[in-house]
């Protein structure tokens, strides 16, 4: 369908928890196509619906060329102690900070046909699953940073040319 514009930090849609998708209609199917088209661009690991301005619970992912999506995802399991992991966000362009993330994660949800979907893994996939479900809960990764790092990041945001 279309590559959609990414909403930037400061946009209220990024701080709002997304509503569950109750009915899968043509609008939801179009949303999923847009999420997939938007995540296919190089350098993108995931895109949550609220990052394209839609307050519904869905995200797409692109990890090592494996592209997919999950409707109504729930982070059902994480394993291992959180470790500082280099992380950025399309909604916070140009910033990159160590963010505590579990090394393994599982998300469960459904596809556009209502079939169960389970996505689980380690490394970048685990990080993306945690990052995107955070987005859908209204959490931007900056709030996960250690206090000193968060102060630095917020200064970088204020000094950026996009904020």
N, C-alpha and C. Protein backbone atom coordinates (compact mmCIF):
# COMPACT_ATOMS: atom_id res chain seq x y z
N UNK A 1 0.83 -1.19 0.00
CA UNK A 1 0.00 0.00 0.00
C UNK A 1 0.88 1.26 0.00
N UNK A 2 1.52 1.54 1.17
CA UNK A 2 2.26 2.80 1.24
C UNK A 2 3.25 2.78 2.39
N UNK A 3 4.37 3.46 2.15
CA UNK A 3 5.31 3.72 3.23
C UNK A 3 4.79 4.96 3.94
N UNK A 4 4.58 4.84 5.23
CA UNK A 4 3.98 5.93 6.00
C UNK A 4 5.06 6.72 6.74
N UNK A 5 4.78 7.99 6.99
CA UNK A 5 5.68 8.87 7.72
C UNK A 5 5.73 8.44 9.18
N UNK A 6 6.93 8.48 9.75
CA UNK A 6 7.14 8.10 11.14
C UNK A 6 6.91 9.32 12.03
N UNK A 7 6.09 9.16 13.06
CA UNK A 7 5.85 10.22 14.04
C UNK A 7 7.08 10.33 14.94
N UNK A 8 7.41 11.57 15.30
CA UNK A 8 8.61 11.82 16.09
C UNK A 8 8.30 12.05 17.56
N UNK A 9 9.31 11.78 18.38
CA UNK A 9 9.19 11.95 19.83
C UNK A 9 8.62 13.34 20.12
N UNK A 10 7.67 13.37 21.02
CA UNK A 10 6.95 14.60 21.33
C UNK A 10 5.52 14.55 20.81
N UNK A 11 5.27 13.72 19.80
CA UNK A 11 3.91 13.52 19.30
C UNK A 11 3.13 12.72 20.35
N UNK A 12 1.98 13.23 20.78
CA UNK A 12 1.22 12.55 21.84
C UNK A 12 0.83 11.11 21.52
N UNK A 13 0.70 10.75 20.25
CA UNK A 13 0.30 9.38 19.90
C UNK A 13 1.33 8.36 20.39
N UNK A 14 2.58 8.78 20.54
CA UNK A 14 3.63 7.87 21.00
C UNK A 14 3.58 7.60 22.50
N UNK A 15 2.87 8.44 23.23
CA UNK A 15 2.78 8.28 24.69
C UNK A 15 1.46 7.65 25.12
N UNK A 16 0.64 7.26 24.16
CA UNK A 16 -0.68 6.70 24.46
C UNK A 16 -0.67 5.20 24.20
N UNK A 17 -1.25 4.46 25.13
CA UNK A 17 -1.40 3.02 24.93
C UNK A 17 -2.37 2.78 23.77
N UNK A 18 -2.05 1.82 22.94
CA UNK A 18 -2.87 1.51 21.77
C UNK A 18 -4.02 0.58 22.13
N UNK A 19 -5.13 0.77 21.45
CA UNK A 19 -6.32 -0.04 21.68
C UNK A 19 -6.20 -1.38 20.96
N UNK A 20 -6.72 -2.44 21.56
CA UNK A 20 -6.73 -3.74 20.86
C UNK A 20 -7.58 -3.65 19.60
N UNK A 21 -7.21 -4.44 18.63
CA UNK A 21 -7.99 -4.53 17.39
C UNK A 21 -9.10 -5.54 17.62
N UNK A 22 -10.33 -5.08 17.55
CA UNK A 22 -11.51 -5.91 17.82
C UNK A 22 -11.98 -6.68 16.59
N UNK A 23 -11.99 -6.00 15.44
CA UNK A 23 -12.47 -6.61 14.19
C UNK A 23 -11.44 -6.40 13.10
N UNK A 24 -11.15 -7.46 12.38
CA UNK A 24 -10.20 -7.35 11.28
C UNK A 24 -11.01 -7.08 10.01
N UNK A 25 -10.96 -5.81 9.61
CA UNK A 25 -11.69 -5.39 8.42
C UNK A 25 -10.69 -4.88 7.38
N UNK A 26 -11.18 -4.27 6.32
CA UNK A 26 -10.28 -3.77 5.27
C UNK A 26 -9.36 -2.67 5.79
N UNK A 27 -9.84 -1.87 6.75
CA UNK A 27 -9.00 -0.84 7.34
C UNK A 27 -7.81 -1.43 8.07
N UNK A 28 -8.04 -2.49 8.82
CA UNK A 28 -6.95 -3.17 9.53
C UNK A 28 -6.01 -3.84 8.53
N UNK A 29 -6.55 -4.46 7.51
CA UNK A 29 -5.70 -5.08 6.48
C UNK A 29 -4.81 -4.04 5.80
N UNK A 30 -5.37 -2.85 5.53
CA UNK A 30 -4.59 -1.77 4.93
C UNK A 30 -3.50 -1.30 5.90
N UNK A 31 -3.85 -1.20 7.18
CA UNK A 31 -2.86 -0.82 8.20
C UNK A 31 -1.69 -1.81 8.20
N UNK A 32 -1.99 -3.09 8.17
CA UNK A 32 -0.93 -4.11 8.19
C UNK A 32 -0.06 -3.99 6.94
N UNK A 33 -0.68 -3.79 5.78
CA UNK A 33 0.12 -3.61 4.55
C UNK A 33 1.03 -2.39 4.68
N UNK A 34 0.51 -1.30 5.24
CA UNK A 34 1.33 -0.10 5.42
C UNK A 34 2.46 -0.34 6.42
N UNK A 35 2.18 -1.06 7.50
CA UNK A 35 3.24 -1.37 8.47
C UNK A 35 4.35 -2.19 7.82
N UNK A 36 3.97 -3.17 7.02
CA UNK A 36 4.97 -4.01 6.35
C UNK A 36 5.74 -3.18 5.32
N UNK A 37 5.05 -2.39 4.52
CA UNK A 37 5.74 -1.54 3.54
C UNK A 37 6.71 -0.58 4.24
N UNK A 38 6.31 -0.05 5.37
CA UNK A 38 7.11 0.94 6.09
C UNK A 38 8.34 0.30 6.74
N UNK A 39 8.23 -0.93 7.21
CA UNK A 39 9.37 -1.58 7.87
C UNK A 39 10.35 -2.17 6.85
N UNK A 40 9.93 -2.32 5.60
CA UNK A 40 10.81 -2.91 4.59
C UNK A 40 11.98 -2.03 4.20
N UNK A 41 11.92 -0.75 4.49
CA UNK A 41 13.01 0.15 4.14
C UNK A 41 14.28 -0.27 4.88
N UNK A 42 15.43 -0.09 4.26
CA UNK A 42 16.69 -0.49 4.89
C UNK A 42 16.90 0.18 6.25
N UNK A 43 17.47 -0.60 7.18
CA UNK A 43 17.81 -0.08 8.50
C UNK A 43 16.67 -0.07 9.49
N UNK A 44 15.55 -0.68 9.13
CA UNK A 44 14.40 -0.69 10.03
C UNK A 44 14.18 -2.09 10.58
N UNK A 45 14.10 -2.20 11.91
CA UNK A 45 13.88 -3.49 12.56
C UNK A 45 12.43 -3.68 12.97
N UNK A 46 11.70 -2.57 13.16
CA UNK A 46 10.32 -2.67 13.58
C UNK A 46 9.61 -1.35 13.47
N UNK A 47 8.29 -1.42 13.28
CA UNK A 47 7.45 -0.22 13.25
C UNK A 47 6.14 -0.56 13.95
N UNK A 48 5.81 0.22 14.97
CA UNK A 48 4.54 0.06 15.69
C UNK A 48 3.50 0.97 15.05
N UNK A 49 2.23 0.58 15.15
CA UNK A 49 1.16 1.34 14.51
C UNK A 49 1.13 2.79 14.98
N UNK A 50 1.37 3.04 16.27
CA UNK A 50 1.32 4.43 16.72
C UNK A 50 2.47 5.25 16.15
N UNK A 51 3.54 4.62 15.70
CA UNK A 51 4.62 5.36 15.06
C UNK A 51 4.20 5.91 13.71
N UNK A 52 3.13 5.37 13.13
CA UNK A 52 2.60 5.93 11.88
C UNK A 52 1.25 6.62 12.15
N UNK A 53 1.01 6.91 13.42
CA UNK A 53 -0.14 7.72 13.79
C UNK A 53 -1.44 6.98 14.02
N UNK A 54 -1.38 5.64 14.15
CA UNK A 54 -2.59 4.85 14.34
C UNK A 54 -2.54 4.22 15.73
N UNK A 55 -3.54 4.52 16.54
CA UNK A 55 -3.56 4.05 17.93
C UNK A 55 -4.14 2.67 18.11
N UNK A 56 -3.74 1.73 17.25
CA UNK A 56 -4.20 0.35 17.35
C UNK A 56 -3.01 -0.57 17.62
N UNK A 57 -3.29 -1.70 18.24
CA UNK A 57 -2.26 -2.62 18.72
C UNK A 57 -1.79 -3.57 17.62
N UNK A 58 -0.77 -3.13 16.87
CA UNK A 58 -0.15 -3.95 15.82
C UNK A 58 1.25 -3.41 15.55
N UNK A 59 2.15 -4.29 15.16
CA UNK A 59 3.47 -3.86 14.72
C UNK A 59 3.99 -4.78 13.64
N UNK A 60 4.98 -4.27 12.90
CA UNK A 60 5.69 -5.08 11.91
C UNK A 60 7.15 -5.17 12.33
N UNK A 61 7.84 -6.18 11.79
CA UNK A 61 9.26 -6.34 12.10
C UNK A 61 10.00 -6.79 10.85
N UNK A 62 11.30 -6.50 10.84
CA UNK A 62 12.19 -6.86 9.74
C UNK A 62 13.54 -7.18 10.34
N UNK A 63 13.76 -8.45 10.63
CA UNK A 63 15.00 -8.89 11.27
C UNK A 63 15.74 -9.82 10.31
N UNK A 64 16.88 -9.35 9.84
CA UNK A 64 17.70 -10.14 8.91
C UNK A 64 16.88 -10.60 7.69
N UNK A 65 16.03 -9.72 7.18
CA UNK A 65 15.22 -10.04 6.01
C UNK A 65 13.96 -10.83 6.29
N UNK A 66 13.75 -11.24 7.54
CA UNK A 66 12.51 -11.92 7.92
C UNK A 66 11.50 -10.85 8.30
N UNK A 67 10.51 -10.64 7.44
CA UNK A 67 9.53 -9.58 7.63
C UNK A 67 8.21 -10.19 8.05
N UNK A 68 7.60 -9.60 9.07
CA UNK A 68 6.31 -10.09 9.53
C UNK A 68 5.59 -9.03 10.33
N UNK A 69 4.49 -9.43 10.92
CA UNK A 69 3.69 -8.51 11.72
C UNK A 69 2.94 -9.32 12.77
N UNK A 70 2.44 -8.62 13.78
CA UNK A 70 1.63 -9.24 14.81
C UNK A 70 0.51 -8.25 15.16
N UNK A 71 -0.71 -8.76 15.20
CA UNK A 71 -1.87 -7.99 15.63
C UNK A 71 -2.14 -8.35 17.09
N UNK A 72 -2.44 -7.35 17.89
CA UNK A 72 -2.70 -7.51 19.33
C UNK A 72 -1.58 -8.27 20.04
N UNK A 73 -0.32 -7.88 19.79
CA UNK A 73 0.79 -8.59 20.42
C UNK A 73 0.82 -8.37 21.93
N UNK A 74 1.18 -9.44 22.62
CA UNK A 74 1.41 -9.40 24.06
C UNK A 74 2.78 -10.03 24.31
N UNK A 75 3.61 -9.32 25.04
CA UNK A 75 4.91 -9.87 25.43
C UNK A 75 4.63 -10.88 26.54
N UNK A 76 4.70 -12.17 26.20
CA UNK A 76 4.29 -13.22 27.14
C UNK A 76 5.43 -13.81 27.95
N UNK A 77 6.66 -13.65 27.46
CA UNK A 77 7.79 -14.22 28.20
C UNK A 77 9.08 -13.53 27.81
N UNK A 78 9.92 -13.30 28.80
CA UNK A 78 11.29 -12.85 28.57
C UNK A 78 12.19 -13.77 29.39
N UNK A 79 13.42 -13.92 28.94
CA UNK A 79 14.38 -14.75 29.65
C UNK A 79 15.69 -14.01 29.79
N UNK A 80 16.36 -14.29 30.90
CA UNK A 80 17.65 -13.67 31.17
C UNK A 80 17.51 -12.31 31.81
N UNK A 81 18.55 -11.93 32.50
CA UNK A 81 18.58 -10.60 33.11
C UNK A 81 18.76 -9.55 32.02
N UNK A 82 18.13 -8.38 32.17
CA UNK A 82 18.33 -7.32 31.18
C UNK A 82 19.80 -6.93 31.09
N UNK A 83 20.25 -6.73 29.86
CA UNK A 83 21.62 -6.30 29.62
C UNK A 83 21.59 -5.03 28.77
N UNK A 84 22.53 -4.11 28.99
CA UNK A 84 22.58 -2.90 28.17
C UNK A 84 22.82 -3.27 26.71
N UNK A 85 21.92 -2.83 25.86
CA UNK A 85 21.96 -3.18 24.45
C UNK A 85 21.82 -1.89 23.64
N UNK A 86 22.74 -1.67 22.70
CA UNK A 86 22.66 -0.49 21.85
C UNK A 86 21.33 -0.43 21.14
N UNK A 87 20.64 0.70 21.24
CA UNK A 87 19.30 0.79 20.69
C UNK A 87 19.02 2.20 20.18
N UNK A 88 18.30 2.25 19.08
CA UNK A 88 17.82 3.51 18.53
C UNK A 88 16.34 3.37 18.26
N UNK A 89 15.74 4.40 17.68
CA UNK A 89 14.30 4.39 17.41
C UNK A 89 14.02 5.33 16.24
N UNK A 90 13.19 4.89 15.32
CA UNK A 90 12.81 5.73 14.20
C UNK A 90 12.13 7.01 14.65
N UNK A 91 11.47 6.98 15.80
CA UNK A 91 10.78 8.16 16.32
C UNK A 91 11.71 9.10 17.08
N UNK A 92 12.96 8.68 17.26
CA UNK A 92 13.97 9.49 17.94
C UNK A 92 15.23 9.45 17.07
N UNK A 93 15.15 10.04 15.86
CA UNK A 93 16.25 9.87 14.89
C UNK A 93 17.58 10.43 15.37
N UNK A 94 18.63 9.68 15.05
CA UNK A 94 19.98 10.14 15.33
C UNK A 94 20.51 9.77 16.71
N UNK A 95 19.67 9.26 17.59
CA UNK A 95 20.12 8.90 18.92
C UNK A 95 20.33 7.38 19.01
N UNK A 96 21.30 6.99 19.80
CA UNK A 96 21.62 5.58 20.00
C UNK A 96 22.15 5.44 21.41
N UNK A 97 21.46 4.66 22.25
CA UNK A 97 21.87 4.52 23.64
C UNK A 97 21.69 3.08 24.11
N UNK A 98 22.53 2.68 25.07
CA UNK A 98 22.38 1.37 25.69
C UNK A 98 21.09 1.34 26.51
N UNK A 99 20.26 0.37 26.20
CA UNK A 99 18.95 0.23 26.83
C UNK A 99 18.88 -1.16 27.46
N UNK A 100 18.46 -1.27 28.71
CA UNK A 100 18.35 -2.61 29.31
C UNK A 100 17.27 -3.44 28.62
N UNK A 101 17.67 -4.56 28.04
CA UNK A 101 16.73 -5.46 27.37
C UNK A 101 17.07 -6.90 27.73
N UNK A 102 16.03 -7.72 27.84
CA UNK A 102 16.22 -9.14 28.08
C UNK A 102 16.78 -9.78 26.80
N UNK A 103 17.65 -10.78 26.93
CA UNK A 103 18.27 -11.38 25.74
C UNK A 103 17.34 -12.28 24.94
N UNK A 104 16.19 -12.66 25.50
CA UNK A 104 15.24 -13.53 24.79
C UNK A 104 13.83 -13.05 25.10
N UNK A 105 12.97 -13.12 24.08
CA UNK A 105 11.59 -12.66 24.28
C UNK A 105 10.62 -13.43 23.39
N UNK A 106 9.36 -13.48 23.84
CA UNK A 106 8.28 -14.09 23.06
C UNK A 106 7.08 -13.13 23.05
N UNK A 107 6.50 -12.99 21.86
CA UNK A 107 5.28 -12.22 21.68
C UNK A 107 4.24 -13.14 21.07
N UNK A 108 3.00 -13.03 21.56
CA UNK A 108 1.89 -13.80 21.00
C UNK A 108 0.80 -12.84 20.57
N UNK A 109 0.16 -13.17 19.46
CA UNK A 109 -0.94 -12.36 18.94
C UNK A 109 -1.65 -13.13 17.85
N UNK A 110 -2.16 -12.40 16.85
CA UNK A 110 -2.86 -13.03 15.74
C UNK A 110 -2.42 -12.40 14.42
N UNK A 111 -2.80 -13.07 13.31
CA UNK A 111 -2.58 -12.51 11.99
C UNK A 111 -3.90 -11.95 11.44
N UNK A 112 -3.91 -11.50 10.18
CA UNK A 112 -5.11 -10.87 9.62
C UNK A 112 -6.26 -11.86 9.41
N UNK A 113 -5.96 -13.15 9.50
CA UNK A 113 -7.02 -14.16 9.38
C UNK A 113 -7.49 -14.64 10.75
N UNK A 114 -6.96 -14.05 11.83
CA UNK A 114 -7.35 -14.42 13.18
C UNK A 114 -6.62 -15.63 13.71
N UNK A 115 -5.62 -16.12 12.96
CA UNK A 115 -4.84 -17.27 13.41
C UNK A 115 -3.80 -16.86 14.44
N UNK A 116 -3.53 -17.73 15.42
CA UNK A 116 -2.51 -17.40 16.43
C UNK A 116 -1.13 -17.22 15.79
N UNK A 117 -0.37 -16.28 16.33
CA UNK A 117 0.99 -16.01 15.88
C UNK A 117 1.87 -15.98 17.12
N UNK A 118 2.99 -16.67 17.06
CA UNK A 118 4.00 -16.61 18.11
C UNK A 118 5.32 -16.25 17.45
N UNK A 119 5.94 -15.19 17.95
CA UNK A 119 7.26 -14.79 17.46
C UNK A 119 8.16 -14.78 18.68
N UNK A 120 9.27 -15.52 18.60
CA UNK A 120 10.18 -15.58 19.74
C UNK A 120 11.60 -15.69 19.22
N UNK A 121 12.52 -15.21 20.04
CA UNK A 121 13.91 -15.30 19.65
C UNK A 121 14.80 -14.50 20.56
N UNK A 122 16.06 -14.47 20.17
CA UNK A 122 17.07 -13.79 20.96
C UNK A 122 17.73 -12.70 20.13
N UNK A 123 18.63 -11.98 20.76
CA UNK A 123 19.37 -10.94 20.06
C UNK A 123 18.49 -9.81 19.56
N UNK A 124 18.72 -9.41 18.31
CA UNK A 124 17.99 -8.29 17.73
C UNK A 124 16.49 -8.54 17.69
N UNK A 125 16.08 -9.77 17.43
CA UNK A 125 14.64 -10.07 17.42
C UNK A 125 14.04 -9.85 18.80
N UNK A 126 14.70 -10.34 19.84
CA UNK A 126 14.19 -10.14 21.21
C UNK A 126 14.11 -8.66 21.54
N UNK A 127 15.12 -7.93 21.14
CA UNK A 127 15.14 -6.49 21.38
C UNK A 127 13.98 -5.81 20.66
N UNK A 128 13.76 -6.16 19.40
CA UNK A 128 12.68 -5.55 18.62
C UNK A 128 11.31 -5.88 19.21
N UNK A 129 11.12 -7.12 19.65
CA UNK A 129 9.83 -7.49 20.23
C UNK A 129 9.53 -6.66 21.48
N UNK A 130 10.55 -6.46 22.31
CA UNK A 130 10.37 -5.65 23.52
C UNK A 130 10.14 -4.18 23.17
N UNK A 131 10.93 -3.68 22.21
CA UNK A 131 10.84 -2.28 21.80
C UNK A 131 9.46 -1.96 21.21
N UNK A 132 8.97 -2.83 20.32
CA UNK A 132 7.69 -2.56 19.65
C UNK A 132 6.50 -2.73 20.60
N UNK A 133 6.53 -3.73 21.47
CA UNK A 133 5.42 -3.84 22.43
C UNK A 133 5.45 -2.66 23.41
N UNK A 134 6.63 -2.17 23.75
CA UNK A 134 6.71 -0.94 24.54
C UNK A 134 5.98 0.20 23.83
N UNK A 135 6.27 0.39 22.54
CA UNK A 135 5.59 1.44 21.77
C UNK A 135 4.07 1.33 21.91
N UNK A 136 3.57 0.12 21.75
CA UNK A 136 2.12 -0.08 21.78
C UNK A 136 1.54 0.18 23.18
N UNK A 137 2.39 0.13 24.20
CA UNK A 137 1.97 0.46 25.56
C UNK A 137 2.21 1.93 25.88
N UNK A 138 2.63 2.72 24.88
CA UNK A 138 2.87 4.14 25.07
C UNK A 138 4.22 4.46 25.69
N UNK A 139 5.18 3.54 25.57
CA UNK A 139 6.51 3.71 26.16
C UNK A 139 7.54 3.87 25.05
N UNK A 140 8.28 4.98 25.08
CA UNK A 140 9.40 5.20 24.16
C UNK A 140 10.67 4.77 24.90
N UNK A 141 11.60 4.18 24.17
CA UNK A 141 12.77 3.57 24.81
C UNK A 141 13.54 4.52 25.71
N UNK A 142 13.45 5.82 25.48
CA UNK A 142 14.17 6.78 26.32
C UNK A 142 13.82 6.62 27.80
N UNK A 143 12.58 6.24 28.08
CA UNK A 143 12.17 6.10 29.48
C UNK A 143 12.77 4.85 30.13
N UNK A 144 13.35 3.96 29.36
CA UNK A 144 13.99 2.75 29.89
C UNK A 144 15.47 2.97 30.23
N UNK A 145 16.01 4.12 29.85
CA UNK A 145 17.44 4.38 30.03
C UNK A 145 17.77 4.63 31.50
N UNK A 146 19.02 4.32 31.87
CA UNK A 146 19.51 4.65 33.20
C UNK A 146 19.46 6.17 33.35
N UNK A 147 19.35 6.67 34.58
CA UNK A 147 19.10 8.09 34.84
C UNK A 147 20.10 9.02 34.15
N UNK A 148 21.40 8.76 34.28
CA UNK A 148 22.39 9.65 33.67
C UNK A 148 22.31 9.62 32.15
N UNK A 149 22.11 8.44 31.60
CA UNK A 149 22.00 8.30 30.15
C UNK A 149 20.73 8.99 29.65
N UNK A 150 19.66 8.88 30.43
CA UNK A 150 18.40 9.52 30.03
C UNK A 150 18.55 11.04 30.01
N UNK A 151 19.24 11.60 30.99
CA UNK A 151 19.47 13.06 31.00
C UNK A 151 20.22 13.48 29.74
N UNK A 152 21.25 12.73 29.39
CA UNK A 152 22.02 13.02 28.17
C UNK A 152 21.12 12.91 26.94
N UNK A 153 20.35 11.84 26.86
CA UNK A 153 19.48 11.62 25.71
C UNK A 153 18.45 12.74 25.56
N UNK A 154 17.87 13.17 26.68
CA UNK A 154 16.87 14.24 26.60
C UNK A 154 17.50 15.55 26.16
N UNK A 155 18.74 15.81 26.56
CA UNK A 155 19.45 17.00 26.08
C UNK A 155 19.68 16.88 24.57
N UNK A 156 20.05 15.67 24.11
CA UNK A 156 20.26 15.47 22.68
C UNK A 156 18.96 15.68 21.90
N UNK A 157 17.85 15.23 22.46
CA UNK A 157 16.56 15.44 21.82
C UNK A 157 16.28 16.94 21.71
N UNK A 158 16.42 17.66 22.81
CA UNK A 158 16.13 19.10 22.80
C UNK A 158 17.02 19.85 21.82
N UNK A 159 18.26 19.38 21.64
CA UNK A 159 19.21 20.06 20.75
C UNK A 159 19.10 19.59 19.30
N UNK A 160 18.28 18.57 19.05
CA UNK A 160 18.19 18.04 17.69
C UNK A 160 17.47 19.02 16.77
N UNK A 161 17.68 18.87 15.47
CA UNK A 161 17.03 19.76 14.52
C UNK A 161 15.60 19.32 14.19
N UNK A 162 15.19 18.16 14.65
CA UNK A 162 13.84 17.66 14.35
C UNK A 162 12.85 17.88 15.49
N UNK A 163 13.35 18.21 16.70
CA UNK A 163 12.45 18.34 17.85
C UNK A 163 11.83 19.73 17.92
